[in-house]
């Protein structure tokens, strides 16, 4: 029996960073995000020996390791950690393919974790629900692999759709009360632009957390601003008023300013060049997706200026990524060999 799965990438609008422990445990955090029609795909197929073979289509690279291998300093560490934490005792061939490049800032590594856990969950009948799969992915990335980061990516990938997610003692996922009209207009005004480079999320998150450890006043104020942005965005969408969407764009800008204040590594000259140019030609607000450093800019344009903005971004090397909101999270199915 072969099992296939796919988990979507997410676009985070506001609150990113407030989902990191220990901040969210002690002060509470919240984010607003949605999933899009770009996925990480996984196929698992049993093999006769006790080895795990991973083939990455994107890298055209194959790695083989023994069950129980805990050398997480080499490539494919996420696969080793998942096999170990789930206590997999049989050999498998695993094939993965990502529809967006690594380091895109849209939670791809967590989408991979969720997709692979979901595939093993189906194969072995573990009985894990979406929430438990997301928690398991968090445990593997943040505890087993000791990677710095938050909670939102795992839950976005598992649940899918447009959600307001709150973090404290537990994680609460609340679907946004939106309308098709709001979704269509919001999507029309958004531009997703790849600006080059990639980010090392764990390194940037580590530096961001330093501000919390020393209880830096500006850090705490910025984190509160990020939460306020997420809450205000939720209210705008749930007002069902297209007329209020410009405020949503302005909040993107407010959140980006707050996020940048957390670390000098979040933005750079290349990112600022793209962002400032887009603002000159009709973008109301935007942000770099993910921890920072590179990847994709999400921009909210005046509707009449959208295609002018796109032309100007392409002139300086930006790559526009067409996308649509996608309502589904993790999807898993079986195939007869």
Protein backbone atom coordinates (compact mmCIF):
# COMPACT_ATOMS: atom_id res chain seq x y z
CA UNK A 1 0.00 0.00 0.00
CA UNK A 2 1.18 3.49 -0.91
CA UNK A 3 0.04 6.56 1.03
CA UNK A 4 0.16 10.05 -0.39
CA UNK A 5 -0.45 13.33 1.38
CA UNK A 6 -0.25 17.04 0.80
CA UNK A 7 -0.25 20.04 3.14
CA UNK A 8 -0.64 23.67 2.04
CA UNK A 9 1.63 26.66 2.45
CA UNK A 10 0.28 29.54 4.50
CA UNK A 11 0.24 33.31 4.16
CA UNK A 12 0.41 35.10 7.51
CA UNK A 13 -1.23 38.52 7.69
CA UNK A 14 -0.62 39.58 11.26
CA UNK A 15 0.63 38.48 14.67
CA UNK A 16 3.58 36.41 13.47
CA UNK A 17 6.21 36.18 16.20
CA UNK A 18 3.71 36.27 19.06
CA UNK A 19 3.22 32.51 18.60
CA UNK A 20 6.70 31.74 19.95
CA UNK A 21 7.30 30.24 23.37
CA UNK A 22 7.96 31.35 26.04
CA UNK A 23 6.32 34.67 25.06
CA UNK A 24 2.97 33.16 24.02
CA UNK A 25 2.81 30.90 27.10
CA UNK A 26 3.31 33.80 29.50
CA UNK A 27 1.56 36.65 27.65
CA UNK A 28 -0.63 35.00 25.04
CA UNK A 29 -0.21 35.28 21.29
CA UNK A 30 -2.45 35.37 18.24
CA UNK A 31 -2.10 35.28 14.46
CA UNK A 32 -4.37 35.62 11.46
CA UNK A 33 -3.46 33.61 8.38
CA UNK A 34 -4.78 31.66 5.43
CA UNK A 35 -3.58 28.73 3.34
CA UNK A 36 -2.98 28.96 -0.40
CA UNK A 37 -3.03 26.61 -3.37
CA UNK A 38 0.65 25.68 -3.11
CA UNK A 39 1.52 22.43 -1.35
CA UNK A 40 4.20 20.11 -0.10
CA UNK A 41 3.54 16.59 -1.41
CA UNK A 42 4.67 13.35 0.26
CA UNK A 43 4.46 9.71 -0.83
CA UNK A 44 5.46 6.83 1.45
CA UNK A 45 5.91 3.26 0.26
CA UNK A 46 7.06 0.35 2.47
CA UNK A 47 10.30 -1.45 1.64
CA UNK A 48 11.63 -4.85 2.75
CA UNK A 49 14.65 -3.73 4.78
CA UNK A 50 14.93 -1.48 7.86
CA UNK A 51 16.12 1.61 6.02
CA UNK A 52 14.50 4.91 5.15
CA UNK A 53 15.17 6.27 1.68
CA UNK A 54 14.17 9.89 1.06
CA UNK A 55 14.08 11.33 -2.43
CA UNK A 56 13.64 15.10 -2.77
CA UNK A 57 12.34 15.98 -6.22
CA UNK A 58 13.27 19.66 -5.75
CA UNK A 59 16.91 18.92 -4.99
CA UNK A 60 17.10 15.76 -7.13
CA UNK A 61 18.80 14.23 -4.12
CA UNK A 62 18.45 10.91 -2.33
CA UNK A 63 19.38 10.17 1.29
CA UNK A 64 19.32 6.75 2.94
CA UNK A 65 19.52 6.31 6.70
CA UNK A 66 18.96 3.59 9.27
CA UNK A 67 15.94 3.59 11.56
CA UNK A 68 17.02 5.10 14.88
CA UNK A 69 19.54 7.50 13.32
CA UNK A 70 19.62 10.61 15.53
CA UNK A 71 22.35 12.50 13.71
CA UNK A 72 20.34 15.65 13.17
CA UNK A 73 23.33 17.68 11.99
CA UNK A 74 23.18 16.19 8.50
CA UNK A 75 20.64 16.64 5.70
CA UNK A 76 17.08 15.34 5.95
CA UNK A 77 17.03 15.74 9.74
CA UNK A 78 13.26 16.34 9.74
CA UNK A 79 12.68 12.86 8.31
CA UNK A 80 14.92 11.24 10.91
CA UNK A 81 13.16 13.09 13.73
CA UNK A 82 9.67 12.14 12.53
CA UNK A 83 10.64 8.47 12.17
CA UNK A 84 12.13 8.52 15.68
CA UNK A 85 9.34 10.37 17.47
CA UNK A 86 6.61 8.28 15.79
CA UNK A 87 8.61 5.15 16.65
CA UNK A 88 8.56 3.83 13.08
CA UNK A 89 10.21 0.39 12.96
CA UNK A 90 9.81 -0.51 9.28
CA UNK A 91 11.62 0.69 6.19
CA UNK A 92 10.05 3.16 3.75
CA UNK A 93 10.76 4.94 0.51
CA UNK A 94 9.68 8.57 0.94
CA UNK A 95 9.30 10.99 -1.96
CA UNK A 96 8.75 14.71 -1.41
CA UNK A 97 7.98 17.61 -3.70
CA UNK A 98 7.44 21.26 -2.79
CA UNK A 99 5.55 23.64 -5.07
CA UNK A 100 7.48 26.60 -3.62
CA UNK A 101 11.21 26.86 -2.92
CA UNK A 102 12.68 26.21 0.56
CA UNK A 103 13.13 29.40 2.58
CA UNK A 104 10.03 30.94 1.03
CA UNK A 105 8.76 32.22 4.40
CA UNK A 106 5.43 30.45 4.08
CA UNK A 107 5.87 27.60 6.52
CA UNK A 108 7.09 24.99 4.05
CA UNK A 109 9.11 22.97 6.55
CA UNK A 110 6.08 22.64 8.81
CA UNK A 111 3.89 21.73 5.83
CA UNK A 112 6.38 18.92 5.12
CA UNK A 113 6.24 17.77 8.75
CA UNK A 114 2.44 17.77 8.79
CA UNK A 115 2.23 15.95 5.45
CA UNK A 116 4.68 13.22 6.50
CA UNK A 117 3.11 12.71 9.94
CA UNK A 118 -0.28 12.61 8.23
CA UNK A 119 0.92 9.91 5.82
CA UNK A 120 2.30 7.71 8.63
CA UNK A 121 -0.86 8.36 10.64
CA UNK A 122 -2.91 6.94 7.76
CA UNK A 123 -0.58 4.01 7.11
CA UNK A 124 -0.43 2.87 10.74
CA UNK A 125 -3.89 4.00 11.80
CA UNK A 126 -2.49 6.01 14.71
CA UNK A 127 -5.82 7.80 15.05
CA UNK A 128 -4.35 11.31 15.34
CA UNK A 129 -6.70 14.19 14.52
CA UNK A 130 -5.61 17.44 12.83
CA UNK A 131 -4.89 19.17 16.12
CA UNK A 132 -2.77 16.27 17.38
CA UNK A 133 -0.85 16.08 14.10
CA UNK A 134 -0.04 19.80 14.35
CA UNK A 135 1.10 19.42 17.97
CA UNK A 136 3.25 16.44 17.01
CA UNK A 137 4.85 18.46 14.20
CA UNK A 138 5.55 21.27 16.68
CA UNK A 139 7.08 18.80 19.14
CA UNK A 140 9.35 17.36 16.46
CA UNK A 141 10.55 20.70 15.08
CA UNK A 142 10.87 22.67 18.30
CA UNK A 143 11.74 20.01 20.90
CA UNK A 144 13.31 17.04 19.11
CA UNK A 145 15.24 19.19 16.59
CA UNK A 146 15.51 22.27 18.85
CA UNK A 147 14.62 24.63 16.00
CA UNK A 148 13.48 28.06 17.15
CA UNK A 149 10.09 29.19 15.95
CA UNK A 150 6.41 29.43 16.65
CA UNK A 151 3.25 27.37 16.52
CA UNK A 152 1.29 28.91 13.65
CA UNK A 153 2.79 27.05 10.66
CA UNK A 154 1.94 23.57 11.89
CA UNK A 155 -1.67 24.46 12.71
CA UNK A 156 -2.21 26.39 9.47
CA UNK A 157 -0.97 23.41 7.44
CA UNK A 158 -3.06 20.88 9.37
CA UNK A 159 -6.34 22.85 9.49
CA UNK A 160 -6.23 24.95 6.31
CA UNK A 161 -8.45 27.91 5.48
CA UNK A 162 -8.69 31.45 6.86
CA UNK A 163 -8.11 31.28 10.63
CA UNK A 164 -7.52 33.32 13.76
CA UNK A 165 -5.25 31.21 15.96
CA UNK A 166 -4.62 31.92 19.66
CA UNK A 167 -1.77 30.55 21.74
CA UNK A 168 -1.34 30.27 25.49
CA UNK A 169 -1.75 27.12 27.60
CA UNK A 170 -3.22 25.51 24.50
CA UNK A 171 -3.84 26.38 20.86
CA UNK A 172 -7.28 27.54 19.73
CA UNK A 173 -8.06 27.64 15.99
CA UNK A 174 -11.08 29.78 15.04
CA UNK A 175 -12.20 29.99 11.39
CA UNK A 176 -12.64 33.58 10.21
CA UNK A 177 -16.25 34.58 9.54
CA UNK A 178 -15.73 35.90 6.02
CA UNK A 179 -17.68 36.13 2.76
CA UNK A 180 -16.84 35.19 -0.83
CA UNK A 181 -16.97 38.87 -1.77
CA UNK A 182 -14.40 39.80 0.88
CA UNK A 183 -12.18 36.85 -0.05
CA UNK A 184 -12.29 37.72 -3.75
CA UNK A 185 -11.54 41.40 -3.22
CA UNK A 186 -8.79 40.74 -0.68
CA UNK A 187 -7.17 38.23 -3.00
CA UNK A 188 -7.48 40.66 -5.94
CA UNK A 189 -5.61 43.36 -4.04
CA UNK A 190 -2.80 41.11 -2.80
CA UNK A 191 0.46 40.65 -4.67
CA UNK A 192 2.92 37.90 -3.78
CA UNK A 193 6.43 38.74 -4.98
CA UNK A 194 9.56 36.61 -4.62
CA UNK A 195 12.43 39.01 -3.91
CA UNK A 196 15.29 36.51 -3.82
CA UNK A 197 17.40 35.07 -1.09
CA UNK A 198 16.14 32.83 1.63
CA UNK A 199 15.99 33.03 5.38
CA UNK A 200 17.36 30.89 8.15
CA UNK A 201 14.26 31.05 10.29
CA UNK A 202 15.73 29.44 13.42
CA UNK A 203 18.68 31.87 13.52
CA UNK A 204 16.48 34.95 13.19
CA UNK A 205 13.99 33.66 15.76
CA UNK A 206 16.85 33.02 18.18
CA UNK A 207 17.91 36.67 17.96
CA UNK A 208 14.31 37.87 18.31
CA UNK A 209 13.90 35.86 21.50
CA UNK A 210 16.89 37.62 23.06
CA UNK A 211 14.73 40.74 23.37
CA UNK A 212 12.22 38.79 25.41
CA UNK A 213 14.86 37.23 27.66
CA UNK A 214 16.12 40.64 28.75
CA UNK A 215 12.56 42.03 28.96
CA UNK A 216 13.41 44.83 26.57
CA UNK A 217 10.60 47.41 26.71
CA UNK A 218 10.59 48.05 22.95
CA UNK A 219 10.31 44.30 22.33
CA UNK A 220 7.25 43.94 24.54
CA UNK A 221 5.60 46.98 22.93
CA UNK A 222 6.26 45.61 19.42
CA UNK A 223 4.79 42.23 20.36
CA UNK A 224 1.66 43.91 21.70
CA UNK A 225 1.40 45.91 18.46
CA UNK A 226 1.59 42.68 16.46
CA UNK A 227 -1.24 41.13 18.47
CA UNK A 228 -3.33 44.29 18.10
CA UNK A 229 -2.80 44.18 14.34
CA UNK A 230 -4.01 40.56 14.15
CA UNK A 231 -7.10 41.30 16.24
CA UNK A 232 -7.96 44.41 14.21
CA UNK A 233 -7.55 42.50 10.93
CA UNK A 234 -9.99 39.87 12.17
CA UNK A 235 -12.55 42.58 12.98
CA UNK A 236 -12.20 44.14 9.52
CA UNK A 237 -12.72 40.84 7.70
CA UNK A 238 -15.65 39.90 9.91
CA UNK A 239 -17.31 43.28 9.32
CA UNK A 240 -17.98 41.94 5.78
CA UNK A 241 -17.33 45.47 4.48
CA UNK A 242 -15.22 45.75 1.33
CA UNK A 243 -14.97 49.48 2.06
CA UNK A 244 -12.83 48.71 5.12
CA UNK A 245 -10.22 46.65 3.26
CA UNK A 246 -7.87 49.62 2.83
CA UNK A 247 -7.55 49.57 6.62
CA UNK A 248 -6.40 45.97 6.30
CA UNK A 249 -3.58 47.14 4.01
CA UNK A 250 -2.61 49.88 6.45
CA UNK A 251 -2.45 47.31 9.24
CA UNK A 252 -0.08 45.19 7.16
CA UNK A 253 2.28 48.17 7.10
CA UNK A 254 1.88 48.77 10.85
CA UNK A 255 2.67 45.13 11.55
CA UNK A 256 5.72 45.18 9.27
CA UNK A 257 7.13 48.21 11.07
CA UNK A 258 6.63 46.49 14.43
CA UNK A 259 8.16 43.23 13.19
CA UNK A 260 11.28 44.96 11.84
CA UNK A 261 11.92 46.58 15.21
CA UNK A 262 12.50 43.13 16.77
CA UNK A 263 15.75 42.38 14.94
CA UNK A 264 18.11 43.96 12.41
CA UNK A 265 18.15 40.62 10.54
CA UNK A 266 14.45 40.66 9.65
CA UNK A 267 14.87 43.05 6.73
CA UNK A 268 17.78 44.10 4.50
CA UNK A 269 18.58 46.52 1.66
CA UNK A 270 17.17 44.23 -1.02
CA UNK A 271 13.86 43.70 0.78
CA UNK A 272 13.55 47.43 1.56
CA UNK A 273 14.25 48.32 -2.07
CA UNK A 274 11.33 46.19 -3.24
CA UNK A 275 9.01 47.37 -0.49
CA UNK A 276 9.70 51.09 -0.86
CA UNK A 277 9.36 50.91 -4.64
CA UNK A 278 6.00 49.13 -4.33
CA UNK A 279 4.78 51.83 -1.92
CA UNK A 280 5.72 54.52 -4.43
CA UNK A 281 3.56 52.95 -7.13
CA UNK A 282 0.39 52.16 -5.19
CA UNK A 283 0.93 49.62 -2.42
CA UNK A 284 -0.80 50.57 0.83
CA UNK A 285 1.04 48.08 3.04
CA UNK A 286 2.81 44.79 3.07
CA UNK A 287 5.25 42.54 4.84
CA UNK A 288 7.93 39.98 4.30
CA UNK A 289 6.50 36.54 4.97
CA UNK A 290 8.19 34.34 7.54
CA UNK A 291 10.94 35.15 10.00
CA UNK A 292 12.68 37.54 7.63
CA UNK A 293 15.88 37.89 5.62
CA UNK A 294 14.45 36.98 2.21
CA UNK A 295 11.77 35.06 0.39
CA UNK A 296 8.36 36.51 -0.50
CA UNK A 297 6.84 39.94 0.03
CA UNK A 298 3.07 40.07 0.49
CA UNK A 299 1.77 43.43 -0.75
CA UNK A 300 -1.68 45.03 -0.53
CA UNK A 301 -2.25 47.35 -3.47
CA UNK A 302 -4.75 50.00 -4.41
CA UNK A 303 -6.92 48.06 -6.88
CA UNK A 304 -6.38 50.47 -9.76
CA UNK A 305 -2.60 50.34 -9.32
CA UNK A 306 -2.12 46.56 -8.96
CA UNK A 307 -0.83 45.83 -12.44
CA UNK A 308 1.39 48.92 -12.49
CA UNK A 309 2.96 47.73 -9.23
CA UNK A 310 3.51 44.27 -10.72
CA UNK A 311 5.24 45.76 -13.79
CA UNK A 312 7.55 47.89 -11.65
CA UNK A 313 8.45 44.98 -9.36
CA UNK A 314 9.29 42.80 -12.35
CA UNK A 315 11.53 45.53 -13.77
CA UNK A 316 13.84 45.23 -10.74
CA UNK A 317 13.88 41.45 -10.70
CA UNK A 318 10.84 40.53 -8.64
CA UNK A 319 9.08 37.29 -9.51
CA UNK A 320 5.29 37.43 -9.15
CA UNK A 321 3.70 34.27 -7.76
CA UNK A 322 0.08 33.77 -8.77
CA UNK A 323 -1.93 32.13 -6.01
CA UNK A 324 -5.43 31.59 -4.68
CA UNK A 325 -6.72 31.06 -1.17
CA UNK A 326 -7.17 27.36 -0.49
CA UNK A 327 -9.70 26.18 2.11
CA UNK A 328 -8.34 22.71 2.89
CA UNK A 329 -5.55 21.69 5.22
CA UNK A 330 -3.83 18.32 5.34
CA UNK A 331 -5.17 15.81 2.80
CA UNK A 332 -4.21 12.11 2.84
CA UNK A 333 -5.19 9.20 0.60
CA UNK A 334 -4.22 5.61 -0.14
CA UNK A 335 -3.12 4.17 -3.47
CA UNK A 336 -2.84 0.50 -4.38
CA UNK A 337 0.65 -0.35 -5.60
